[in-house]
Amino acid sequence: MWRNVAVAALLAPLGVAVGALLRNQIATVIGLFVVGLGVEPALSAAPDVARFGPLLGAPNGILGVDHGALLAPGLAAIVCIAWAASAFASAAALLHCRDLV
């Protein structure tokens, strides 16, 4: 139970940050669906890369889903935090370039 809560708590800021980057709800939702349902499953051919993915790889490591080579839960949480932090940093950098009016 706690692992599901941890994954939700780590993925929610990532969604907020991607929303801040794109500034369009439809584009954000469709983009996250494309990454989660298209790009990351395609990366499963390279499991050493796929386990660092933001929507499937690292969260599956936290949940302990047995799909082969997964990250340890602690390392997977750090990877999720790094994805969210990089998205927030990108959104903060773009904020200075955008017109706020």
PDB file of N, CA and C in Angstrom:
ATOM      1  N   MET A   1       0.824  -1.189   0.000  1.00  0.00           N
ATOM      2  CA  MET A   1       0.000   0.000   0.000  1.00  0.00           C
ATOM      3  C   MET A   1       0.872   1.258   0.000  1.00  0.00           C
ATOM      4  N   TRP A   2       1.910   1.273   0.824  1.00  0.00           N
ATOM      5  CA  TRP A   2       2.721   2.487   0.914  1.00  0.00           C
ATOM      6  C   TRP A   2       3.466   2.748  -0.382  1.00  0.00           C
ATOM      7  N   ARG A   3       3.765   1.703  -1.134  1.00  0.00           N
ATOM      8  CA  ARG A   3       4.497   1.891  -2.383  1.00  0.00           C
ATOM      9  C   ARG A   3       3.640   2.604  -3.425  1.00  0.00           C
ATOM     10  N   ASN A   4       2.354   2.284  -3.459  1.00  0.00           N
ATOM     11  CA  ASN A   4       1.454   2.980  -4.374  1.00  0.00           C
ATOM     12  C   ASN A   4       1.358   4.461  -4.036  1.00  0.00           C
ATOM     13  N   VAL A   5       1.293   4.758  -2.764  1.00  0.00           N
ATOM     14  CA  VAL A   5       1.239   6.157  -2.324  1.00  0.00           C
ATOM     15  C   VAL A   5       2.547   6.867  -2.680  1.00  0.00           C
ATOM     16  N   ALA A   6       3.658   6.179  -2.515  1.00  0.00           N
ATOM     17  CA  ALA A   6       4.958   6.774  -2.844  1.00  0.00           C
ATOM     18  C   ALA A   6       5.066   7.063  -4.335  1.00  0.00           C
ATOM     19  N   VAL A   7       4.606   6.132  -5.172  1.00  0.00           N
ATOM     20  CA  VAL A   7       4.654   6.359  -6.618  1.00  0.00           C
ATOM     21  C   VAL A   7       3.755   7.527  -7.003  1.00  0.00           C
ATOM     22  N   ALA A   8       2.558   7.593  -6.435  1.00  0.00           N
ATOM     23  CA  ALA A   8       1.659   8.708  -6.731  1.00  0.00           C
ATOM     24  C   ALA A   8       2.264  10.032  -6.281  1.00  0.00           C
ATOM     25  N   ALA A   9       2.909  10.028  -5.132  1.00  0.00           N
ATOM     26  CA  ALA A   9       3.523  11.264  -4.625  1.00  0.00           C
ATOM     27  C   ALA A   9       4.720  11.683  -5.464  1.00  0.00           C
ATOM     28  N   LEU A  10       5.373  10.748  -6.123  1.00  0.00           N
ATOM     29  CA  LEU A  10       6.524  11.089  -6.953  1.00  0.00           C
ATOM     30  C   LEU A  10       6.126  11.423  -8.398  1.00  0.00           C
ATOM     31  N   LEU A  11       5.030  10.843  -8.887  1.00  0.00           N
ATOM     32  CA  LEU A  11       4.604  11.122 -10.251  1.00  0.00           C
ATOM     33  C   LEU A  11       3.762  12.393 -10.371  1.00  0.00           C
ATOM     34  N   ALA A  12       3.065  12.775  -9.311  1.00  0.00           N
ATOM     35  CA  ALA A  12       2.241  13.980  -9.368  1.00  0.00           C
ATOM     36  C   ALA A  12       3.071  15.236  -9.658  1.00  0.00           C
ATOM     37  N   PRO A  13       4.197  15.455  -8.989  1.00  0.00           N
ATOM     38  CA  PRO A  13       5.003  16.630  -9.337  1.00  0.00           C
ATOM     39  C   PRO A  13       5.542  16.586 -10.761  1.00  0.00           C
ATOM     40  N   LEU A  14       5.810  15.397 -11.276  1.00  0.00           N
ATOM     41  CA  LEU A  14       6.260  15.292 -12.658  1.00  0.00           C
ATOM     42  C   LEU A  14       5.161  15.760 -13.607  1.00  0.00           C
ATOM     43  N   GLY A  15       3.933  15.369 -13.350  1.00  0.00           N
ATOM     44  CA  GLY A  15       2.814  15.820 -14.174  1.00  0.00           C
ATOM     45  C   GLY A  15       2.603  17.325 -14.090  1.00  0.00           C
ATOM     46  N   VAL A  16       2.753  17.877 -12.902  1.00  0.00           N
ATOM     47  CA  VAL A  16       2.626  19.327 -12.735  1.00  0.00           C
ATOM     48  C   VAL A  16       3.728  20.052 -13.498  1.00  0.00           C
ATOM     49  N   ALA A  17       4.931  19.537 -13.427  1.00  0.00           N
ATOM     50  CA  ALA A  17       6.057  20.178 -14.112  1.00  0.00           C
ATOM     51  C   ALA A  17       5.900  20.108 -15.623  1.00  0.00           C
ATOM     52  N   VAL A  18       5.448  18.971 -16.138  1.00  0.00           N
ATOM     53  CA  VAL A  18       5.221  18.870 -17.585  1.00  0.00           C
ATOM     54  C   VAL A  18       4.090  19.799 -17.995  1.00  0.00           C
ATOM     55  N   GLY A  19       3.075  19.928 -17.163  1.00  0.00           N
ATOM     56  CA  GLY A  19       2.005  20.876 -17.441  1.00  0.00           C
ATOM     57  C   GLY A  19       2.500  22.306 -17.459  1.00  0.00           C
ATOM     58  N   ALA A  20       3.424  22.628 -16.583  1.00  0.00           N
ATOM     59  CA  ALA A  20       4.003  23.977 -16.572  1.00  0.00           C
ATOM     60  C   ALA A  20       4.873  24.209 -17.800  1.00  0.00           C
ATOM     61  N   LEU A  21       5.509  23.163 -18.289  1.00  0.00           N
ATOM     62  CA  LEU A  21       6.323  23.292 -19.497  1.00  0.00           C
ATOM     63  C   LEU A  21       5.459  23.553 -20.728  1.00  0.00           C
ATOM     64  N   LEU A  22       4.385  22.809 -20.857  1.00  0.00           N
ATOM     65  CA  LEU A  22       3.571  22.879 -22.069  1.00  0.00           C
ATOM     66  C   LEU A  22       2.469  23.939 -22.017  1.00  0.00           C
ATOM     67  N   ARG A  23       1.974  24.235 -20.826  1.00  0.00           N
ATOM     68  CA  ARG A  23       0.927  25.243 -20.618  1.00  0.00           C
ATOM     69  C   ARG A  23      -0.359  24.946 -21.377  1.00  0.00           C
ATOM     70  N   ASN A  24      -0.612  23.710 -21.691  1.00  0.00           N
ATOM     71  CA  ASN A  24      -1.828  23.296 -22.371  1.00  0.00           C
ATOM     72  C   ASN A  24      -2.211  21.927 -21.828  1.00  0.00           C
ATOM     73  N   GLN A  25      -3.400  21.840 -21.227  1.00  0.00           N
ATOM     74  CA  GLN A  25      -3.791  20.597 -20.575  1.00  0.00           C
ATOM     75  C   GLN A  25      -3.899  19.431 -21.547  1.00  0.00           C
ATOM     76  N   ILE A  26      -4.487  19.678 -22.705  1.00  0.00           N
ATOM     77  CA  ILE A  26      -4.673  18.599 -23.676  1.00  0.00           C
ATOM     78  C   ILE A  26      -3.312  18.079 -24.154  1.00  0.00           C
ATOM     79  N   ALA A  27      -2.418  18.989 -24.492  1.00  0.00           N
ATOM     80  CA  ALA A  27      -1.084  18.580 -24.962  1.00  0.00           C
ATOM     81  C   ALA A  27      -0.325  17.835 -23.872  1.00  0.00           C
ATOM     82  N   THR A  28      -0.481  18.264 -22.629  1.00  0.00           N
ATOM     83  CA  THR A  28       0.204  17.599 -21.517  1.00  0.00           C
ATOM     84  C   THR A  28      -0.292  16.171 -21.335  1.00  0.00           C
ATOM     85  N   VAL A  29      -1.601  16.003 -21.307  1.00  0.00           N
ATOM     86  CA  VAL A  29      -2.171  14.667 -21.107  1.00  0.00           C
ATOM     87  C   VAL A  29      -1.815  13.751 -22.262  1.00  0.00           C
ATOM     88  N   ILE A  30      -1.967  14.240 -23.492  1.00  0.00           N
ATOM     89  CA  ILE A  30      -1.644  13.406 -24.659  1.00  0.00           C
ATOM     90  C   ILE A  30      -0.148  13.092 -24.685  1.00  0.00           C
ATOM     91  N   GLY A  31       0.687  14.076 -24.377  1.00  0.00           N
ATOM     92  CA  GLY A  31       2.127  13.840 -24.361  1.00  0.00           C
ATOM     93  C   GLY A  31       2.536  12.802 -23.335  1.00  0.00           C
ATOM     94  N   LEU A  32       1.951  12.865 -22.144  1.00  0.00           N
ATOM     95  CA  LEU A  32       2.276  11.872 -21.113  1.00  0.00           C
ATOM     96  C   LEU A  32       1.763  10.488 -21.489  1.00  0.00           C
ATOM     97  N   PHE A  33       0.591  10.427 -22.149  1.00  0.00           N
ATOM     98  CA  PHE A  33       0.103   9.137 -22.635  1.00  0.00           C
ATOM     99  C   PHE A  33       1.028   8.562 -23.700  1.00  0.00           C
ATOM    100  N   VAL A  34       1.496   9.402 -24.606  1.00  0.00           N
ATOM    101  CA  VAL A  34       2.401   8.928 -25.660  1.00  0.00           C
ATOM    102  C   VAL A  34       3.694   8.396 -25.044  1.00  0.00           C
ATOM    103  N   VAL A  35       4.241   9.120 -24.087  1.00  0.00           N
ATOM    104  CA  VAL A  35       5.478   8.658 -23.448  1.00  0.00           C
ATOM    105  C   VAL A  35       5.227   7.370 -22.670  1.00  0.00           C
ATOM    106  N   GLY A  36       4.141   7.336 -21.892  1.00  0.00           N
ATOM    107  CA  GLY A  36       3.870   6.177 -21.046  1.00  0.00           C
ATOM    108  C   GLY A  36       3.412   4.940 -21.788  1.00  0.00           C
ATOM    109  N   LEU A  37       2.684   5.133 -22.885  1.00  0.00           N
ATOM    110  CA  LEU A  37       2.142   3.982 -23.599  1.00  0.00           C
ATOM    111  C   LEU A  37       2.874   3.660 -24.890  1.00  0.00           C
ATOM    112  N   GLY A  38       3.730   4.561 -25.354  1.00  0.00           N
ATOM    113  CA  GLY A  38       4.413   4.334 -26.611  1.00  0.00           C
ATOM    114  C   GLY A  38       5.917   4.294 -26.503  1.00  0.00           C
ATOM    115  N   VAL A  39       6.490   5.350 -25.949  1.00  0.00           N
ATOM    116  CA  VAL A  39       7.952   5.474 -25.943  1.00  0.00           C
ATOM    117  C   VAL A  39       8.586   4.510 -24.942  1.00  0.00           C
ATOM    118  N   GLU A  40       8.102   4.524 -23.715  1.00  0.00           N
ATOM    119  CA  GLU A  40       8.737   3.670 -22.701  1.00  0.00           C
ATOM    120  C   GLU A  40       8.564   2.174 -22.973  1.00  0.00           C
ATOM    121  N   PRO A  41       7.388   1.702 -23.413  1.00  0.00           N
ATOM    122  CA  PRO A  41       7.332   0.273 -23.773  1.00  0.00           C
ATOM    123  C   PRO A  41       8.256  -0.084 -24.943  1.00  0.00           C
ATOM    124  N   ALA A  42       8.465   0.856 -25.860  1.00  0.00           N
ATOM    125  CA  ALA A  42       9.387   0.598 -26.968  1.00  0.00           C
ATOM    126  C   ALA A  42      10.819   0.483 -26.465  1.00  0.00           C
ATOM    127  N   LEU A  43      11.122   1.157 -25.376  1.00  0.00           N
ATOM    128  CA  LEU A  43      12.460   1.069 -24.797  1.00  0.00           C
ATOM    129  C   LEU A  43      12.710  -0.244 -24.057  1.00  0.00           C
ATOM    130  N   SER A  44      11.675  -1.053 -23.906  1.00  0.00           N
ATOM    131  CA  SER A  44      11.850  -2.304 -23.171  1.00  0.00           C
ATOM    132  C   SER A  44      12.800  -3.257 -23.893  1.00  0.00           C
ATOM    133  N   ALA A  45      13.078  -2.987 -25.169  1.00  0.00           N
ATOM    134  CA  ALA A  45      14.068  -3.798 -25.879  1.00  0.00           C
ATOM    135  C   ALA A  45      15.461  -3.583 -25.296  1.00  0.00           C
ATOM    136  N   ALA A  46      15.661  -2.427 -24.668  1.00  0.00           N
ATOM    137  CA  ALA A  46      16.930  -2.130 -24.000  1.00  0.00           C
ATOM    138  C   ALA A  46      16.654  -1.950 -22.509  1.00  0.00           C
ATOM    139  N   PRO A  47      16.596  -3.046 -21.751  1.00  0.00           N
ATOM    140  CA  PRO A  47      16.194  -2.943 -20.339  1.00  0.00           C
ATOM    141  C   PRO A  47      17.120  -2.100 -19.479  1.00  0.00           C
ATOM    142  N   ASP A  48      18.387  -1.968 -19.866  1.00  0.00           N
ATOM    143  CA  ASP A  48      19.293  -1.125 -19.083  1.00  0.00           C
ATOM    144  C   ASP A  48      18.907   0.340 -19.183  1.00  0.00           C
ATOM    145  N   VAL A  49      18.256   0.727 -20.269  1.00  0.00           N
ATOM    146  CA  VAL A  49      17.792   2.097 -20.446  1.00  0.00           C
ATOM    147  C   VAL A  49      16.371   2.246 -19.908  1.00  0.00           C
ATOM    148  N   ALA A  50      15.527   1.254 -20.181  1.00  0.00           N
ATOM    149  CA  ALA A  50      14.106   1.340 -19.833  1.00  0.00           C
ATOM    150  C   ALA A  50      13.868   1.451 -18.329  1.00  0.00           C
ATOM    151  N   ARG A  51      14.748   0.898 -17.529  1.00  0.00           N
ATOM    152  CA  ARG A  51      14.510   0.934 -16.082  1.00  0.00           C
ATOM    153  C   ARG A  51      14.675   2.330 -15.495  1.00  0.00           C
ATOM    154  N   PHE A  52      15.223   3.272 -16.260  1.00  0.00           N
ATOM    155  CA  PHE A  52      15.358   4.652 -15.801  1.00  0.00           C
ATOM    156  C   PHE A  52      14.242   5.542 -16.331  1.00  0.00           C
ATOM    157  N   GLY A  53      13.226   4.980 -16.964  1.00  0.00           N
ATOM    158  CA  GLY A  53      12.127   5.758 -17.528  1.00  0.00           C
ATOM    159  C   GLY A  53      11.291   6.434 -16.456  1.00  0.00           C
ATOM    160  N   PRO A  54      10.701   7.595 -16.770  1.00  0.00           N
ATOM    161  CA  PRO A  54       9.989   8.357 -15.751  1.00  0.00           C
ATOM    162  C   PRO A  54       8.599   7.826 -15.402  1.00  0.00           C
ATOM    163  N   LEU A  55       7.932   7.135 -16.322  1.00  0.00           N
ATOM    164  CA  LEU A  55       6.551   6.728 -16.063  1.00  0.00           C
ATOM    165  C   LEU A  55       6.370   5.241 -15.839  1.00  0.00           C
ATOM    166  N   LEU A  56       7.273   4.432 -16.327  1.00  0.00           N
ATOM    167  CA  LEU A  56       7.155   2.979 -16.141  1.00  0.00           C
ATOM    168  C   LEU A  56       8.352   2.367 -15.442  1.00  0.00           C
ATOM    169  N   GLY A  57       9.539   2.695 -15.884  1.00  0.00           N
ATOM    170  CA  GLY A  57      10.744   2.038 -15.370  1.00  0.00           C
ATOM    171  C   GLY A  57      10.981   2.267 -13.893  1.00  0.00           C
ATOM    172  N   ALA A  58      11.168   3.504 -13.512  1.00  0.00           N
ATOM    173  CA  ALA A  58      11.448   3.811 -12.109  1.00  0.00           C
ATOM    174  C   ALA A  58      10.261   3.508 -11.194  1.00  0.00           C
ATOM    175  N   PRO A  59       9.015   3.874 -11.571  1.00  0.00           N
ATOM    176  CA  PRO A  59       7.892   3.499 -10.692  1.00  0.00           C
ATOM    177  C   PRO A  59       7.737   1.991 -10.501  1.00  0.00           C
ATOM    178  N   ASN A  60       8.018   1.202 -11.544  1.00  0.00           N
ATOM    179  CA  ASN A  60       7.957  -0.256 -11.365  1.00  0.00           C
ATOM    180  C   ASN A  60       9.027  -0.733 -10.401  1.00  0.00           C
ATOM    181  N   GLY A  61      10.162  -0.055 -10.363  1.00  0.00           N
ATOM    182  CA  GLY A  61      11.183  -0.398  -9.386  1.00  0.00           C
ATOM    183  C   GLY A  61      10.720  -0.136  -7.960  1.00  0.00           C
ATOM    184  N   ILE A  62       9.982   0.960  -7.774  1.00  0.00           N
ATOM    185  CA  ILE A  62       9.450   1.264  -6.438  1.00  0.00           C
ATOM    186  C   ILE A  62       8.387   0.245  -6.059  1.00  0.00           C
ATOM    187  N   LEU A  63       7.523  -0.101  -7.020  1.00  0.00           N
ATOM    188  CA  LEU A  63       6.438  -1.039  -6.734  1.00  0.00           C
ATOM    189  C   LEU A  63       6.919  -2.471  -6.588  1.00  0.00           C
ATOM    190  N   GLY A  64       8.114  -2.768  -7.112  1.00  0.00           N
ATOM    191  CA  GLY A  64       8.636  -4.122  -7.020  1.00  0.00           C
ATOM    192  C   GLY A  64       8.036  -5.062  -8.043  1.00  0.00           C
ATOM    193  N   VAL A  65       7.494  -4.524  -9.140  1.00  0.00           N
ATOM    194  CA  VAL A  65       6.951  -5.354 -10.206  1.00  0.00           C
ATOM    195  C   VAL A  65       8.106  -6.108 -10.856  1.00  0.00           C
ATOM    196  N   ASP A  66       7.946  -7.407 -11.026  1.00  0.00           N
ATOM    197  CA  ASP A  66       9.046  -8.224 -11.529  1.00  0.00           C
ATOM    198  C   ASP A  66       9.009  -8.288 -13.053  1.00  0.00           C
ATOM    199  N   HIS A  67       9.722  -7.374 -13.687  1.00  0.00           N
ATOM    200  CA  HIS A  67       9.871  -7.378 -15.145  1.00  0.00           C
ATOM    201  C   HIS A  67      11.333  -7.509 -15.528  1.00  0.00           C
ATOM    202  N   GLY A  68      12.083  -8.222 -14.783  1.00  0.00           N
ATOM    203  CA  GLY A  68      13.497  -8.392 -15.104  1.00  0.00           C
ATOM    204  C   GLY A  68      14.374  -7.473 -14.286  1.00  0.00           C
ATOM    205  N   ALA A  69      15.236  -6.735 -14.979  1.00  0.00           N
ATOM    206  CA  ALA A  69      16.225  -5.879 -14.316  1.00  0.00           C
ATOM    207  C   ALA A  69      15.591  -4.562 -13.906  1.00  0.00           C
ATOM    208  N   LEU A  70      15.206  -4.454 -12.653  1.00  0.00           N
ATOM    209  CA  LEU A  70      14.629  -3.220 -12.137  1.00  0.00           C
ATOM    210  C   LEU A  70      15.599  -2.559 -11.168  1.00  0.00           C
ATOM    211  N   LEU A  71      15.351  -1.294 -10.924  1.00  0.00           N
ATOM    212  CA  LEU A  71      16.134  -0.575  -9.924  1.00  0.00           C
ATOM    213  C   LEU A  71      15.660  -0.954  -8.528  1.00  0.00           C
ATOM    214  N   ALA A  72      16.526  -0.804  -7.555  1.00  0.00           N
ATOM    215  CA  ALA A  72      16.121  -0.979  -6.163  1.00  0.00           C
ATOM    216  C   ALA A  72      15.150   0.141  -5.805  1.00  0.00           C
ATOM    217  N   PRO A  73      14.218  -0.078  -4.872  1.00  0.00           N
ATOM    218  CA  PRO A  73      13.214   0.936  -4.567  1.00  0.00           C
ATOM    219  C   PRO A  73      13.792   2.305  -4.200  1.00  0.00           C
ATOM    220  N   GLY A  74      14.863   2.328  -3.405  1.00  0.00           N
ATOM    221  CA  GLY A  74      15.458   3.615  -3.037  1.00  0.00           C
ATOM    222  C   GLY A  74      16.046   4.350  -4.225  1.00  0.00           C
ATOM    223  N   LEU A  75      16.761   3.628  -5.063  1.00  0.00           N
ATOM    224  CA  LEU A  75      17.347   4.232  -6.261  1.00  0.00           C
ATOM    225  C   LEU A  75      16.255   4.648  -7.242  1.00  0.00           C
ATOM    226  N   ALA A  76      15.199   3.856  -7.346  1.00  0.00           N
ATOM    227  CA  ALA A  76      14.086   4.208  -8.231  1.00  0.00           C
ATOM    228  C   ALA A  76      13.401   5.491  -7.758  1.00  0.00           C
ATOM    229  N   ALA A  77      13.281   5.677  -6.452  1.00  0.00           N
ATOM    230  CA  ALA A  77      12.700   6.918  -5.926  1.00  0.00           C
ATOM    231  C   ALA A  77      13.589   8.114  -6.253  1.00  0.00           C
ATOM    232  N   ILE A  78      14.894   7.929  -6.169  1.00  0.00           N
ATOM    233  CA  ILE A  78      15.821   9.012  -6.512  1.00  0.00           C
ATOM    234  C   ILE A  78      15.714   9.356  -7.995  1.00  0.00           C
ATOM    235  N   VAL A  79      15.548   8.348  -8.846  1.00  0.00           N
ATOM    236  CA  VAL A  79      15.387   8.595 -10.282  1.00  0.00           C
ATOM    237  C   VAL A  79      14.094   9.362 -10.547  1.00  0.00           C
ATOM    238  N   CYS A  80      13.000   8.999  -9.870  1.00  0.00           N
ATOM    239  CA  CYS A  80      11.731   9.728 -10.033  1.00  0.00           C
ATOM    240  C   CYS A  80      11.877  11.176  -9.589  1.00  0.00           C
ATOM    241  N   ILE A  81      12.551  11.399  -8.484  1.00  0.00           N
ATOM    242  CA  ILE A  81      12.769  12.767  -7.998  1.00  0.00           C
ATOM    243  C   ILE A  81      13.618  13.542  -8.994  1.00  0.00           C
ATOM    244  N   ALA A  82      14.620  12.895  -9.585  1.00  0.00           N
ATOM    245  CA  ALA A  82      15.475  13.570 -10.565  1.00  0.00           C
ATOM    246  C   ALA A  82      14.691  13.948 -11.813  1.00  0.00           C
ATOM    247  N   TRP A  83      13.794  13.071 -12.281  1.00  0.00           N
ATOM    248  CA  TRP A  83      12.958  13.420 -13.436  1.00  0.00           C
ATOM    249  C   TRP A  83      12.075  14.628 -13.125  1.00  0.00           C
ATOM    250  N   ALA A  84      11.437  14.628 -11.956  1.00  0.00           N
ATOM    251  CA  ALA A  84      10.575  15.754 -11.592  1.00  0.00           C
ATOM    252  C   ALA A  84      11.386  17.032 -11.412  1.00  0.00           C
ATOM    253  N   ALA A  85      12.543  16.930 -10.793  1.00  0.00           N
ATOM    254  CA  ALA A  85      13.382  18.113 -10.585  1.00  0.00           C
ATOM    255  C   ALA A  85      13.862  18.691 -11.908  1.00  0.00           C
ATOM    256  N   SER A  86      14.235  17.831 -12.849  1.00  0.00           N
ATOM    257  CA  SER A  86      14.678  18.347 -14.140  1.00  0.00           C
ATOM    258  C   SER A  86      13.531  18.989 -14.904  1.00  0.00           C
ATOM    259  N   ALA A  87      12.329  18.432 -14.800  1.00  0.00           N
ATOM    260  CA  ALA A  87      11.174  19.051 -15.455  1.00  0.00           C
ATOM    261  C   ALA A  87      10.842  20.394 -14.808  1.00  0.00           C
ATOM    262  N   PHE A  88      10.918  20.476 -13.479  1.00  0.00           N
ATOM    263  CA  PHE A  88      10.664  21.753 -12.801  1.00  0.00           C
ATOM    264  C   PHE A  88      11.729  22.783 -13.144  1.00  0.00           C
ATOM    265  N   ALA A  89      12.988  22.359 -13.246  1.00  0.00           N
ATOM    266  CA  ALA A  89      14.052  23.291 -13.614  1.00  0.00           C
ATOM    267  C   ALA A  89      13.838  23.820 -15.029  1.00  0.00           C
ATOM    268  N   SER A  90      13.413  22.948 -15.933  1.00  0.00           N
ATOM    269  CA  SER A  90      13.128  23.390 -17.304  1.00  0.00           C
ATOM    270  C   SER A  90      11.953  24.365 -17.333  1.00  0.00           C
ATOM    271  N   ALA A  91      10.919  24.084 -16.561  1.00  0.00           N
ATOM    272  CA  ALA A  91       9.766  24.979 -16.511  1.00  0.00           C
ATOM    273  C   ALA A  91      10.148  26.324 -15.914  1.00  0.00           C
ATOM    274  N   ALA A  92      10.999  26.325 -14.901  1.00  0.00           N
ATOM    275  CA  ALA A  92      11.440  27.585 -14.294  1.00  0.00           C
ATOM    276  C   ALA A  92      12.284  28.395 -15.271  1.00  0.00           C
ATOM    277  N   ALA A  93      13.109  27.717 -16.056  1.00  0.00           N
ATOM    278  CA  ALA A  93      13.919  28.428 -17.052  1.00  0.00           C
ATOM    279  C   ALA A  93      13.038  29.020 -18.144  1.00  0.00           C
ATOM    280  N   LEU A  94      12.007  28.292 -18.547  1.00  0.00           N
ATOM    281  CA  LEU A  94      11.107  28.817 -19.574  1.00  0.00           C
ATOM    282  C   LEU A  94      10.240  29.959 -19.064  1.00  0.00           C
ATOM    283  N   LEU A  95       9.986  29.991 -17.769  1.00  0.00           N
ATOM    284  CA  LEU A  95       9.166  31.049 -17.202  1.00  0.00           C
ATOM    285  C   LEU A  95       9.768  32.420 -17.445  1.00  0.00           C
ATOM    286  N   HIS A  96      11.085  32.498 -17.428  1.00  0.00           N
ATOM    287  CA  HIS A  96      11.759  33.784 -17.652  1.00  0.00           C
ATOM    288  C   HIS A  96      11.659  34.221 -19.111  1.00  0.00           C
ATOM    289  N   CYS A  97      11.469  33.282 -20.019  1.00  0.00           N
ATOM    290  CA  CYS A  97      11.410  33.615 -21.452  1.00  0.00           C
ATOM    291  C   CYS A  97      10.000  33.940 -21.928  1.00  0.00           C
ATOM    292  N   ARG A  98       8.993  33.554 -21.183  1.00  0.00           N
ATOM    293  CA  ARG A  98       7.612  33.711 -21.628  1.00  0.00           C
ATOM    294  C   ARG A  98       7.027  35.042 -21.206  1.00  0.00           C
ATOM    295  N   ASP A  99       6.079  35.482 -21.998  1.00  0.00           N
ATOM    296  CA  ASP A  99       5.315  36.688 -21.678  1.00  0.00           C
ATOM    297  C   ASP A  99       4.211  36.289 -20.719  1.00  0.00           C
ATOM    298  N   LEU A 100       4.124  36.929 -19.591  1.00  0.00           N
ATOM    299  CA  LEU A 100       3.140  36.549 -18.579  1.00  0.00           C
ATOM    300  C   LEU A 100       1.811  37.268 -18.731  1.00  0.00           C
ATOM    301  N   VAL A 101       1.683  38.093 -19.727  1.00  0.00           N
ATOM    302  CA  VAL A 101       0.430  38.838 -19.909  1.00  0.00           C
ATOM    303  C   VAL A 101      -0.522  38.088 -20.754  1.00  0.00           C
TER     304      VAL A 101
END
